[in-house]
Amino acid sequence: MAWAKAHPGMLRFGSSGMGSSPHISAELFAWATGIEMLHTPYRGSAPALTDLLAGHVNALFDSATTMRFAREGRLRALAICQPRRNATAPEVPTMAEQGLPQVEARTFYGFFCPAAVPAPLQDRIAGDLRGVAAAEPIQRAITDDGLEAMAETPAEFAAYLAGQHALWSRVVRERNLSL
């Protein structure tokens, strides 16, 4: 952080593309910490990761699936952008644990259905999905990729999405980002 503040715009970070979750997450980090970073967009995570490993960029915001390279000693995982440590990578501290602003940037997958589907049917589908997500083979597949399953009700998921929309809209506006 001290180096980045002393050398504005010299810290180069890669992302999987302009407007991607990793790009916007890095912009949130820069905004929250008051540093300037130079964005280098790539056409996907793989080329961004390749250039990080080759030293062409200094940093990368990416999903937990990148942890395998840290475990191999090829990268160093500096922080996780969640309020608590990830169960699949408990050795990686949160930003808050390191005295940084709590930047929360999680990749998520969700199930959606047409709005016209009646609420009781939505609740039944959601309950069935929570049951599938709780199954041991599914849990193992999710954690093997460095992810954590969060089975929420439709109302909880809708509230989460509304909060995410408000946050990321503000980041895009404040950072003057465009595609």
N, C-alpha and C. Protein backbone atom coordinates (compact mmCIF):
# COMPACT_ATOMS: atom_id res chain seq x y z
N MET A 1 0.83 -1.18 0.00
CA MET A 1 0.00 0.00 0.00
C MET A 1 0.87 1.25 0.00
N ALA A 2 1.92 1.23 0.79
CA ALA A 2 2.80 2.41 0.84
C ALA A 2 3.44 2.65 -0.52
N TRP A 3 3.90 1.57 -1.17
CA TRP A 3 4.51 1.72 -2.49
C TRP A 3 3.50 2.24 -3.50
N ALA A 4 2.30 1.70 -3.47
CA ALA A 4 1.27 2.13 -4.42
C ALA A 4 0.91 3.59 -4.22
N LYS A 5 0.87 4.05 -2.97
CA LYS A 5 0.55 5.46 -2.71
C LYS A 5 1.71 6.36 -3.12
N ALA A 6 2.93 5.87 -2.98
CA ALA A 6 4.10 6.67 -3.35
C ALA A 6 4.33 6.69 -4.86
N HIS A 7 3.75 5.75 -5.58
CA HIS A 7 3.91 5.63 -7.04
C HIS A 7 2.53 5.53 -7.71
N PRO A 8 1.75 6.60 -7.68
CA PRO A 8 0.39 6.54 -8.23
C PRO A 8 0.36 6.06 -9.69
N GLY A 9 -0.51 5.11 -9.95
CA GLY A 9 -0.69 4.60 -11.30
C GLY A 9 0.37 3.63 -11.78
N MET A 10 1.35 3.31 -10.95
CA MET A 10 2.41 2.40 -11.37
C MET A 10 2.09 0.94 -11.05
N LEU A 11 1.16 0.70 -10.14
CA LEU A 11 0.76 -0.66 -9.81
C LEU A 11 -0.19 -1.13 -10.91
N ARG A 12 0.25 -2.12 -11.66
CA ARG A 12 -0.55 -2.64 -12.78
C ARG A 12 -1.30 -3.88 -12.33
N PHE A 13 -2.62 -3.85 -12.52
CA PHE A 13 -3.41 -5.03 -12.18
C PHE A 13 -4.10 -5.55 -13.43
N GLY A 14 -4.16 -6.86 -13.52
CA GLY A 14 -4.83 -7.51 -14.63
C GLY A 14 -6.23 -7.94 -14.22
N SER A 15 -7.09 -8.06 -15.20
CA SER A 15 -8.43 -8.58 -14.95
C SER A 15 -8.87 -9.41 -16.15
N SER A 16 -9.97 -10.12 -15.97
CA SER A 16 -10.49 -10.95 -17.05
C SER A 16 -11.25 -10.15 -18.09
N GLY A 17 -11.20 -8.84 -18.00
CA GLY A 17 -11.82 -8.00 -19.02
C GLY A 17 -12.46 -6.76 -18.45
N MET A 18 -12.62 -5.76 -19.30
CA MET A 18 -13.24 -4.51 -18.92
C MET A 18 -14.67 -4.75 -18.46
N GLY A 19 -14.98 -4.31 -17.27
CA GLY A 19 -16.32 -4.47 -16.72
C GLY A 19 -16.57 -5.81 -16.06
N SER A 20 -15.56 -6.69 -16.03
CA SER A 20 -15.72 -8.00 -15.40
C SER A 20 -15.75 -7.83 -13.87
N SER A 21 -16.19 -8.85 -13.18
CA SER A 21 -16.21 -8.80 -11.72
C SER A 21 -14.83 -8.52 -11.13
N PRO A 22 -13.76 -9.20 -11.62
CA PRO A 22 -12.44 -8.88 -11.08
C PRO A 22 -12.02 -7.43 -11.34
N HIS A 23 -12.36 -6.89 -12.50
CA HIS A 23 -12.02 -5.50 -12.80
C HIS A 23 -12.72 -4.56 -11.81
N ILE A 24 -14.03 -4.73 -11.66
CA ILE A 24 -14.79 -3.85 -10.78
C ILE A 24 -14.38 -4.04 -9.32
N SER A 25 -14.02 -5.27 -8.95
CA SER A 25 -13.54 -5.53 -7.58
C SER A 25 -12.25 -4.78 -7.31
N ALA A 26 -11.34 -4.79 -8.25
CA ALA A 26 -10.08 -4.05 -8.09
C ALA A 26 -10.35 -2.55 -8.01
N GLU A 27 -11.30 -2.07 -8.78
CA GLU A 27 -11.66 -0.65 -8.74
C GLU A 27 -12.26 -0.30 -7.37
N LEU A 28 -13.05 -1.19 -6.80
CA LEU A 28 -13.59 -0.97 -5.46
C LEU A 28 -12.44 -0.90 -4.46
N PHE A 29 -11.47 -1.79 -4.59
CA PHE A 29 -10.31 -1.79 -3.71
C PHE A 29 -9.54 -0.47 -3.83
N ALA A 30 -9.28 -0.03 -5.06
CA ALA A 30 -8.56 1.23 -5.27
C ALA A 30 -9.33 2.41 -4.66
N TRP A 31 -10.62 2.42 -4.86
CA TRP A 31 -11.47 3.49 -4.34
C TRP A 31 -11.45 3.49 -2.81
N ALA A 32 -11.59 2.30 -2.21
CA ALA A 32 -11.65 2.19 -0.75
C ALA A 32 -10.32 2.52 -0.09
N THR A 33 -9.21 2.27 -0.77
CA THR A 33 -7.89 2.50 -0.17
C THR A 33 -7.25 3.82 -0.61
N GLY A 34 -7.83 4.45 -1.61
CA GLY A 34 -7.28 5.73 -2.08
C GLY A 34 -6.03 5.60 -2.91
N ILE A 35 -5.82 4.45 -3.56
CA ILE A 35 -4.65 4.30 -4.42
C ILE A 35 -5.07 4.36 -5.88
N GLU A 36 -4.12 4.65 -6.72
CA GLU A 36 -4.34 4.63 -8.17
C GLU A 36 -3.63 3.41 -8.73
N MET A 37 -4.36 2.64 -9.52
CA MET A 37 -3.78 1.47 -10.17
C MET A 37 -4.06 1.56 -11.65
N LEU A 38 -3.22 0.95 -12.44
CA LEU A 38 -3.39 0.91 -13.88
C LEU A 38 -4.03 -0.41 -14.25
N HIS A 39 -5.18 -0.34 -14.91
CA HIS A 39 -5.91 -1.55 -15.29
C HIS A 39 -5.41 -2.08 -16.63
N THR A 40 -5.13 -3.37 -16.67
CA THR A 40 -4.78 -4.06 -17.90
C THR A 40 -5.82 -5.14 -18.13
N PRO A 41 -6.78 -4.88 -19.02
CA PRO A 41 -7.82 -5.89 -19.26
C PRO A 41 -7.34 -6.98 -20.21
N TYR A 42 -7.79 -8.19 -19.96
CA TYR A 42 -7.48 -9.33 -20.81
C TYR A 42 -8.77 -9.94 -21.32
N ARG A 43 -8.66 -10.87 -22.21
CA ARG A 43 -9.82 -11.59 -22.72
C ARG A 43 -9.98 -12.89 -21.94
N GLY A 44 -10.28 -12.75 -20.67
CA GLY A 44 -10.48 -13.90 -19.81
C GLY A 44 -9.44 -13.98 -18.70
N SER A 45 -9.73 -14.81 -17.71
CA SER A 45 -8.83 -14.98 -16.56
C SER A 45 -7.52 -15.67 -16.93
N ALA A 46 -7.58 -16.64 -17.85
CA ALA A 46 -6.37 -17.41 -18.19
C ALA A 46 -5.24 -16.52 -18.71
N PRO A 47 -5.47 -15.63 -19.69
CA PRO A 47 -4.36 -14.78 -20.12
C PRO A 47 -3.92 -13.78 -19.05
N ALA A 48 -4.84 -13.32 -18.21
CA ALA A 48 -4.46 -12.41 -17.13
C ALA A 48 -3.56 -13.13 -16.14
N LEU A 49 -3.92 -14.36 -15.80
CA LEU A 49 -3.13 -15.17 -14.89
C LEU A 49 -1.76 -15.48 -15.49
N THR A 50 -1.72 -15.78 -16.78
CA THR A 50 -0.45 -16.06 -17.46
C THR A 50 0.48 -14.86 -17.35
N ASP A 51 -0.06 -13.66 -17.59
CA ASP A 51 0.79 -12.46 -17.51
C ASP A 51 1.19 -12.12 -16.08
N LEU A 52 0.36 -12.46 -15.09
CA LEU A 52 0.75 -12.28 -13.70
C LEU A 52 1.92 -13.21 -13.37
N LEU A 53 1.80 -14.47 -13.77
CA LEU A 53 2.87 -15.44 -13.52
C LEU A 53 4.17 -15.03 -14.23
N ALA A 54 4.04 -14.37 -15.38
CA ALA A 54 5.22 -13.92 -16.14
C ALA A 54 5.76 -12.58 -15.65
N GLY A 55 5.04 -11.92 -14.73
CA GLY A 55 5.51 -10.65 -14.20
C GLY A 55 5.15 -9.43 -15.04
N HIS A 56 4.22 -9.59 -15.98
CA HIS A 56 3.83 -8.45 -16.82
C HIS A 56 2.83 -7.53 -16.12
N VAL A 57 2.12 -8.04 -15.13
CA VAL A 57 1.27 -7.23 -14.26
C VAL A 57 1.65 -7.55 -12.83
N ASN A 58 1.37 -6.62 -11.92
CA ASN A 58 1.78 -6.79 -10.52
C ASN A 58 0.76 -7.50 -9.66
N ALA A 59 -0.50 -7.47 -10.06
CA ALA A 59 -1.55 -8.01 -9.20
C ALA A 59 -2.72 -8.49 -10.05
N LEU A 60 -3.55 -9.30 -9.42
CA LEU A 60 -4.72 -9.84 -10.09
C LEU A 60 -5.80 -10.07 -9.04
N PHE A 61 -6.97 -9.58 -9.30
CA PHE A 61 -8.13 -9.93 -8.51
C PHE A 61 -8.79 -11.07 -9.26
N ASP A 62 -8.97 -12.21 -8.60
CA ASP A 62 -9.55 -13.36 -9.29
C ASP A 62 -10.30 -14.21 -8.29
N SER A 63 -10.94 -15.23 -8.78
CA SER A 63 -11.73 -16.11 -7.91
C SER A 63 -10.82 -17.04 -7.13
N ALA A 64 -11.43 -17.73 -6.19
CA ALA A 64 -10.69 -18.66 -5.34
C ALA A 64 -10.07 -19.80 -6.13
N THR A 65 -10.52 -20.04 -7.35
CA THR A 65 -9.95 -21.13 -8.13
C THR A 65 -8.47 -20.88 -8.45
N THR A 66 -8.02 -19.64 -8.35
CA THR A 66 -6.62 -19.30 -8.58
C THR A 66 -5.73 -19.79 -7.44
N MET A 67 -6.34 -20.17 -6.31
CA MET A 67 -5.58 -20.60 -5.14
C MET A 67 -4.65 -21.77 -5.44
N ARG A 68 -4.98 -22.58 -6.41
CA ARG A 68 -4.09 -23.73 -6.70
C ARG A 68 -2.69 -23.26 -7.06
N PHE A 69 -2.57 -22.09 -7.71
CA PHE A 69 -1.25 -21.55 -8.06
C PHE A 69 -0.52 -21.05 -6.83
N ALA A 70 -1.26 -20.54 -5.85
CA ALA A 70 -0.65 -20.13 -4.59
C ALA A 70 -0.18 -21.36 -3.82
N ARG A 71 -0.97 -22.41 -3.85
CA ARG A 71 -0.58 -23.64 -3.14
C ARG A 71 0.65 -24.28 -3.77
N GLU A 72 0.81 -24.07 -5.09
CA GLU A 72 1.99 -24.59 -5.78
C GLU A 72 3.21 -23.69 -5.57
N GLY A 73 3.03 -22.54 -4.92
CA GLY A 73 4.12 -21.61 -4.68
C GLY A 73 4.41 -20.68 -5.85
N ARG A 74 3.55 -20.66 -6.85
CA ARG A 74 3.77 -19.82 -8.03
C ARG A 74 3.21 -18.42 -7.84
N LEU A 75 2.26 -18.25 -6.92
CA LEU A 75 1.66 -16.96 -6.60
C LEU A 75 1.58 -16.82 -5.09
N ARG A 76 1.37 -15.61 -4.64
CA ARG A 76 1.12 -15.39 -3.22
C ARG A 76 -0.26 -14.77 -3.08
N ALA A 77 -1.13 -15.45 -2.38
CA ALA A 77 -2.47 -14.92 -2.11
C ALA A 77 -2.35 -13.90 -0.99
N LEU A 78 -2.73 -12.67 -1.26
CA LEU A 78 -2.54 -11.60 -0.28
C LEU A 78 -3.75 -11.40 0.63
N ALA A 79 -4.94 -11.49 0.08
CA ALA A 79 -6.13 -11.24 0.89
C ALA A 79 -7.36 -11.78 0.19
N ILE A 80 -8.37 -12.04 0.99
CA ILE A 80 -9.65 -12.46 0.46
C ILE A 80 -10.64 -11.32 0.66
N CYS A 81 -11.49 -11.13 -0.32
CA CYS A 81 -12.44 -10.01 -0.30
C CYS A 81 -13.78 -10.46 0.24
N GLN A 82 -13.76 -11.01 1.43
CA GLN A 82 -14.97 -11.47 2.11
C GLN A 82 -14.89 -11.04 3.57
N PRO A 83 -16.02 -11.02 4.26
CA PRO A 83 -15.99 -10.62 5.66
C PRO A 83 -15.31 -11.64 6.58
N ARG A 84 -15.22 -12.89 6.12
CA ARG A 84 -14.55 -13.92 6.92
C ARG A 84 -13.67 -14.75 5.99
N ARG A 85 -12.74 -15.47 6.58
CA ARG A 85 -11.85 -16.30 5.77
C ARG A 85 -12.63 -17.39 5.04
N ASN A 86 -12.12 -17.78 3.90
CA ASN A 86 -12.74 -18.82 3.10
C ASN A 86 -12.34 -20.17 3.69
N ALA A 87 -13.31 -21.03 3.87
CA ALA A 87 -13.05 -22.35 4.47
C ALA A 87 -12.09 -23.18 3.63
N THR A 88 -12.03 -22.95 2.33
CA THR A 88 -11.14 -23.73 1.48
C THR A 88 -9.74 -23.13 1.40
N ALA A 89 -9.56 -21.92 1.93
CA ALA A 89 -8.24 -21.28 1.96
C ALA A 89 -8.10 -20.50 3.28
N PRO A 90 -8.17 -21.20 4.41
CA PRO A 90 -8.16 -20.50 5.70
C PRO A 90 -6.86 -19.77 6.01
N GLU A 91 -5.81 -20.07 5.26
CA GLU A 91 -4.52 -19.40 5.47
C GLU A 91 -4.49 -17.99 4.90
N VAL A 92 -5.46 -17.64 4.07
CA VAL A 92 -5.48 -16.32 3.44
C VAL A 92 -6.33 -15.37 4.29
N PRO A 93 -5.71 -14.31 4.82
CA PRO A 93 -6.46 -13.39 5.68
C PRO A 93 -7.43 -12.52 4.88
N THR A 94 -8.41 -11.99 5.58
CA THR A 94 -9.32 -11.03 4.96
C THR A 94 -8.61 -9.69 4.87
N MET A 95 -9.16 -8.79 4.09
CA MET A 95 -8.58 -7.45 4.01
C MET A 95 -8.66 -6.75 5.36
N ALA A 96 -9.80 -6.91 6.04
CA ALA A 96 -9.99 -6.26 7.33
C ALA A 96 -8.96 -6.73 8.35
N GLU A 97 -8.61 -8.02 8.30
CA GLU A 97 -7.60 -8.55 9.23
C GLU A 97 -6.24 -7.90 9.02
N GLN A 98 -6.02 -7.33 7.86
CA GLN A 98 -4.74 -6.69 7.56
C GLN A 98 -4.81 -5.17 7.70
N GLY A 99 -5.90 -4.69 8.28
CA GLY A 99 -6.04 -3.25 8.50
C GLY A 99 -6.50 -2.48 7.27
N LEU A 100 -6.94 -3.17 6.25
CA LEU A 100 -7.44 -2.52 5.04
C LEU A 100 -8.95 -2.34 5.14
N PRO A 101 -9.49 -1.42 4.36
CA PRO A 101 -10.95 -1.31 4.34
C PRO A 101 -11.56 -2.64 3.93
N GLN A 102 -12.68 -2.98 4.53
CA GLN A 102 -13.34 -4.25 4.21
C GLN A 102 -13.97 -4.14 2.82
N VAL A 103 -13.29 -4.71 1.87
CA VAL A 103 -13.79 -4.77 0.50
C VAL A 103 -14.42 -6.13 0.33
N GLU A 104 -15.70 -6.15 0.05
CA GLU A 104 -16.37 -7.43 -0.16
C GLU A 104 -16.71 -7.57 -1.63
N ALA A 105 -16.11 -8.55 -2.25
CA ALA A 105 -16.33 -8.80 -3.67
C ALA A 105 -16.37 -10.30 -3.87
N ARG A 106 -17.56 -10.82 -3.92
CA ARG A 106 -17.72 -12.26 -4.05
C ARG A 106 -18.33 -12.60 -5.40
N THR A 107 -17.82 -13.63 -6.01
CA THR A 107 -18.45 -14.18 -7.20
C THR A 107 -19.55 -15.10 -6.72
N PHE A 108 -20.68 -15.03 -7.37
CA PHE A 108 -21.77 -15.90 -6.96
C PHE A 108 -22.47 -16.45 -8.19
N TYR A 109 -23.10 -17.56 -7.99
CA TYR A 109 -23.94 -18.17 -9.00
C TYR A 109 -25.33 -18.30 -8.40
N GLY A 110 -26.33 -18.01 -9.17
CA GLY A 110 -27.69 -18.09 -8.65
C GLY A 110 -28.63 -18.69 -9.67
N PHE A 111 -29.75 -19.13 -9.18
CA PHE A 111 -30.80 -19.65 -10.05
C PHE A 111 -31.89 -18.60 -10.16
N PHE A 112 -32.36 -18.40 -11.36
CA PHE A 112 -33.39 -17.42 -11.63
C PHE A 112 -34.54 -18.10 -12.35
N CYS A 113 -35.73 -17.54 -12.22
CA CYS A 113 -36.88 -18.03 -12.95
C CYS A 113 -37.70 -16.81 -13.39
N PRO A 114 -38.60 -16.97 -14.34
CA PRO A 114 -39.43 -15.85 -14.75
C PRO A 114 -40.24 -15.29 -13.57
N ALA A 115 -40.43 -13.99 -13.54
CA ALA A 115 -41.16 -13.34 -12.46
C ALA A 115 -42.59 -13.86 -12.34
N ALA A 116 -43.15 -14.36 -13.43
CA ALA A 116 -44.54 -14.82 -13.43
C ALA A 116 -44.73 -16.16 -12.70
N VAL A 117 -43.64 -16.83 -12.35
CA VAL A 117 -43.76 -18.10 -11.62
C VAL A 117 -44.33 -17.79 -10.23
N PRO A 118 -45.40 -18.45 -9.83
CA PRO A 118 -46.02 -18.18 -8.53
C PRO A 118 -45.03 -18.40 -7.37
N ALA A 119 -45.15 -17.57 -6.33
CA ALA A 119 -44.25 -17.63 -5.18
C ALA A 119 -44.18 -19.02 -4.55
N PRO A 120 -45.29 -19.74 -4.37
CA PRO A 120 -45.16 -21.08 -3.78
C PRO A 120 -44.29 -22.02 -4.62
N LEU A 121 -44.40 -21.90 -5.94
CA LEU A 121 -43.57 -22.74 -6.80
C LEU A 121 -42.11 -22.30 -6.72
N GLN A 122 -41.86 -20.99 -6.66
CA GLN A 122 -40.49 -20.49 -6.49
C GLN A 122 -39.88 -21.05 -5.20
N ASP A 123 -40.67 -21.01 -4.12
CA ASP A 123 -40.18 -21.52 -2.83
C ASP A 123 -39.89 -23.02 -2.90
N ARG A 124 -40.74 -23.76 -3.60
CA ARG A 124 -40.52 -25.21 -3.72
C ARG A 124 -39.24 -25.48 -4.52
N ILE A 125 -39.06 -24.77 -5.64
CA ILE A 125 -37.85 -24.95 -6.45
C ILE A 125 -36.62 -24.59 -5.63
N ALA A 126 -36.70 -23.47 -4.90
CA ALA A 126 -35.56 -23.05 -4.06
C ALA A 126 -35.24 -24.09 -3.01
N GLY A 127 -36.27 -24.67 -2.39
CA GLY A 127 -36.05 -25.72 -1.40
C GLY A 127 -35.39 -26.94 -2.00
N ASP A 128 -35.84 -27.32 -3.20
CA ASP A 128 -35.22 -28.47 -3.89
C ASP A 128 -33.76 -28.17 -4.21
N LEU A 129 -33.48 -26.95 -4.65
CA LEU A 129 -32.10 -26.57 -4.97
C LEU A 129 -31.21 -26.58 -3.73
N ARG A 130 -31.76 -26.11 -2.59
CA ARG A 130 -30.98 -26.15 -1.34
C ARG A 130 -30.66 -27.59 -0.97
N GLY A 131 -31.61 -28.50 -1.20
CA GLY A 131 -31.37 -29.92 -0.93
C GLY A 131 -30.27 -30.49 -1.80
N VAL A 132 -30.28 -30.14 -3.08
CA VAL A 132 -29.23 -30.59 -4.00
C VAL A 132 -27.89 -30.01 -3.59
N ALA A 133 -27.87 -28.72 -3.26
CA ALA A 133 -26.61 -28.06 -2.88
C ALA A 133 -26.03 -28.66 -1.61
N ALA A 134 -26.85 -29.21 -0.75
CA ALA A 134 -26.38 -29.79 0.50
C ALA A 134 -25.84 -31.21 0.32
N ALA A 135 -26.10 -31.82 -0.83
CA ALA A 135 -25.63 -33.19 -1.07
C ALA A 135 -24.11 -33.24 -1.07
N GLU A 136 -23.57 -34.28 -0.47
CA GLU A 136 -22.11 -34.40 -0.31
C GLU A 136 -21.33 -34.30 -1.62
N PRO A 137 -21.74 -34.96 -2.71
CA PRO A 137 -20.95 -34.83 -3.94
C PRO A 137 -20.95 -33.40 -4.49
N ILE A 138 -22.04 -32.71 -4.33
CA ILE A 138 -22.13 -31.32 -4.80
C ILE A 138 -21.25 -30.43 -3.92
N GLN A 139 -21.33 -30.63 -2.60
CA GLN A 139 -20.49 -29.85 -1.68
C GLN A 139 -19.02 -30.06 -1.99
N ARG A 140 -18.63 -31.31 -2.25
CA ARG A 140 -17.23 -31.62 -2.55
C ARG A 140 -16.80 -30.93 -3.85
N ALA A 141 -17.65 -30.98 -4.87
CA ALA A 141 -17.32 -30.34 -6.15
C ALA A 141 -17.17 -28.83 -5.98
N ILE A 142 -18.02 -28.24 -5.18
CA ILE A 142 -17.96 -26.79 -4.95
C ILE A 142 -16.69 -26.43 -4.20
N THR A 143 -16.40 -27.14 -3.11
CA THR A 143 -15.21 -26.80 -2.32
C THR A 143 -13.92 -27.15 -3.05
N ASP A 144 -13.94 -28.17 -3.92
CA ASP A 144 -12.75 -28.49 -4.70
C ASP A 144 -12.36 -27.32 -5.61
N ASP A 145 -13.33 -26.51 -6.00
CA ASP A 145 -13.05 -25.33 -6.82
C ASP A 145 -12.77 -24.09 -5.99
N GLY A 146 -12.67 -24.25 -4.66
CA GLY A 146 -12.37 -23.12 -3.80
C GLY A 146 -13.57 -22.26 -3.49
N LEU A 147 -14.75 -22.77 -3.71
CA LEU A 147 -15.96 -21.99 -3.49
C LEU A 147 -16.70 -22.47 -2.26
N GLU A 148 -17.68 -21.69 -1.82
CA GLU A 148 -18.51 -22.07 -0.69
C GLU A 148 -19.97 -21.98 -1.12
N ALA A 149 -20.75 -22.98 -0.76
CA ALA A 149 -22.18 -22.97 -1.10
C ALA A 149 -22.93 -22.15 -0.06
N MET A 150 -23.79 -21.28 -0.54
CA MET A 150 -24.65 -20.49 0.32
C MET A 150 -26.07 -20.67 -0.19
N ALA A 151 -26.84 -21.46 0.49
CA ALA A 151 -28.22 -21.72 0.07
C ALA A 151 -29.14 -20.72 0.76
N GLU A 152 -29.67 -19.80 -0.01
CA GLU A 152 -30.53 -18.75 0.53
C GLU A 152 -31.95 -18.91 0.04
N THR A 153 -32.86 -18.29 0.74
CA THR A 153 -34.24 -18.26 0.28
C THR A 153 -34.34 -17.27 -0.88
N PRO A 154 -35.41 -17.34 -1.67
CA PRO A 154 -35.57 -16.35 -2.74
C PRO A 154 -35.55 -14.92 -2.22
N ALA A 155 -36.15 -14.66 -1.07
CA ALA A 155 -36.15 -13.30 -0.52
C ALA A 155 -34.74 -12.86 -0.11
N GLU A 156 -33.98 -13.77 0.50
CA GLU A 156 -32.60 -13.43 0.89
C GLU A 156 -31.75 -13.16 -0.35
N PHE A 157 -31.91 -13.97 -1.38
CA PHE A 157 -31.15 -13.79 -2.61
C PHE A 157 -31.53 -12.47 -3.28
N ALA A 158 -32.82 -12.14 -3.31
CA ALA A 158 -33.27 -10.88 -3.90
C ALA A 158 -32.67 -9.69 -3.14
N ALA A 159 -32.63 -9.77 -1.81
CA ALA A 159 -32.05 -8.69 -1.01
C ALA A 159 -30.55 -8.57 -1.28
N TYR A 160 -29.88 -9.71 -1.39
CA TYR A 160 -28.45 -9.71 -1.71
C TYR A 160 -28.20 -9.05 -3.06
N LEU A 161 -28.99 -9.42 -4.06
CA LEU A 161 -28.83 -8.83 -5.40
C LEU A 161 -29.07 -7.33 -5.38
N ALA A 162 -30.08 -6.88 -4.65
CA ALA A 162 -30.37 -5.44 -4.57
C ALA A 162 -29.19 -4.69 -3.95
N GLY A 163 -28.61 -5.26 -2.89
CA GLY A 163 -27.44 -4.64 -2.26
C GLY A 163 -26.24 -4.61 -3.18
N GLN A 164 -26.03 -5.70 -3.92
CA GLN A 164 -24.91 -5.76 -4.87
C GLN A 164 -25.10 -4.74 -5.98
N HIS A 165 -26.31 -4.61 -6.48
CA HIS A 165 -26.58 -3.64 -7.55
C HIS A 165 -26.28 -2.22 -7.07
N ALA A 166 -26.69 -1.89 -5.85
CA ALA A 166 -26.44 -0.55 -5.30
C ALA A 166 -24.94 -0.30 -5.15
N LEU A 167 -24.22 -1.28 -4.60
CA LEU A 167 -22.78 -1.13 -4.40
C LEU A 167 -22.04 -0.94 -5.71
N TRP A 168 -22.26 -1.86 -6.65
CA TRP A 168 -21.48 -1.83 -7.88
C TRP A 168 -21.88 -0.64 -8.77
N SER A 169 -23.12 -0.23 -8.71
CA SER A 169 -23.53 0.98 -9.45
C SER A 169 -22.76 2.19 -8.94
N ARG A 170 -22.61 2.25 -7.62
CA ARG A 170 -21.87 3.36 -7.02
C ARG A 170 -20.39 3.32 -7.42
N VAL A 171 -19.79 2.14 -7.39
CA VAL A 171 -18.38 2.01 -7.77
C VAL A 171 -18.19 2.46 -9.23
N VAL A 172 -19.05 1.99 -10.11
CA VAL A 172 -18.95 2.36 -11.53
C VAL A 172 -19.08 3.87 -11.69
N ARG A 173 -20.03 4.47 -10.98
CA ARG A 173 -20.24 5.92 -11.06
C ARG A 173 -19.04 6.68 -10.48
N GLU A 174 -18.63 6.31 -9.27
CA GLU A 174 -17.54 7.03 -8.57
C GLU A 174 -16.20 6.90 -9.30
N ARG A 175 -15.96 5.74 -9.88
CA ARG A 175 -14.69 5.51 -10.59
C ARG A 175 -14.76 5.93 -12.06
N ASN A 176 -15.94 6.38 -12.48
CA ASN A 176 -16.15 6.82 -13.87
C ASN A 176 -15.76 5.74 -14.86
N LEU A 177 -16.29 4.53 -14.62
CA LEU A 177 -15.96 3.39 -15.47
C LEU A 177 -16.96 3.27 -16.61
N SER A 178 -16.46 2.85 -17.75
CA SER A 178 -17.34 2.57 -18.87
C SER A 178 -16.72 1.44 -19.69
N LEU A 179 -17.53 0.80 -20.49
CA LEU A 179 -17.03 -0.29 -21.32
C LEU A 179 -16.54 0.26 -22.64
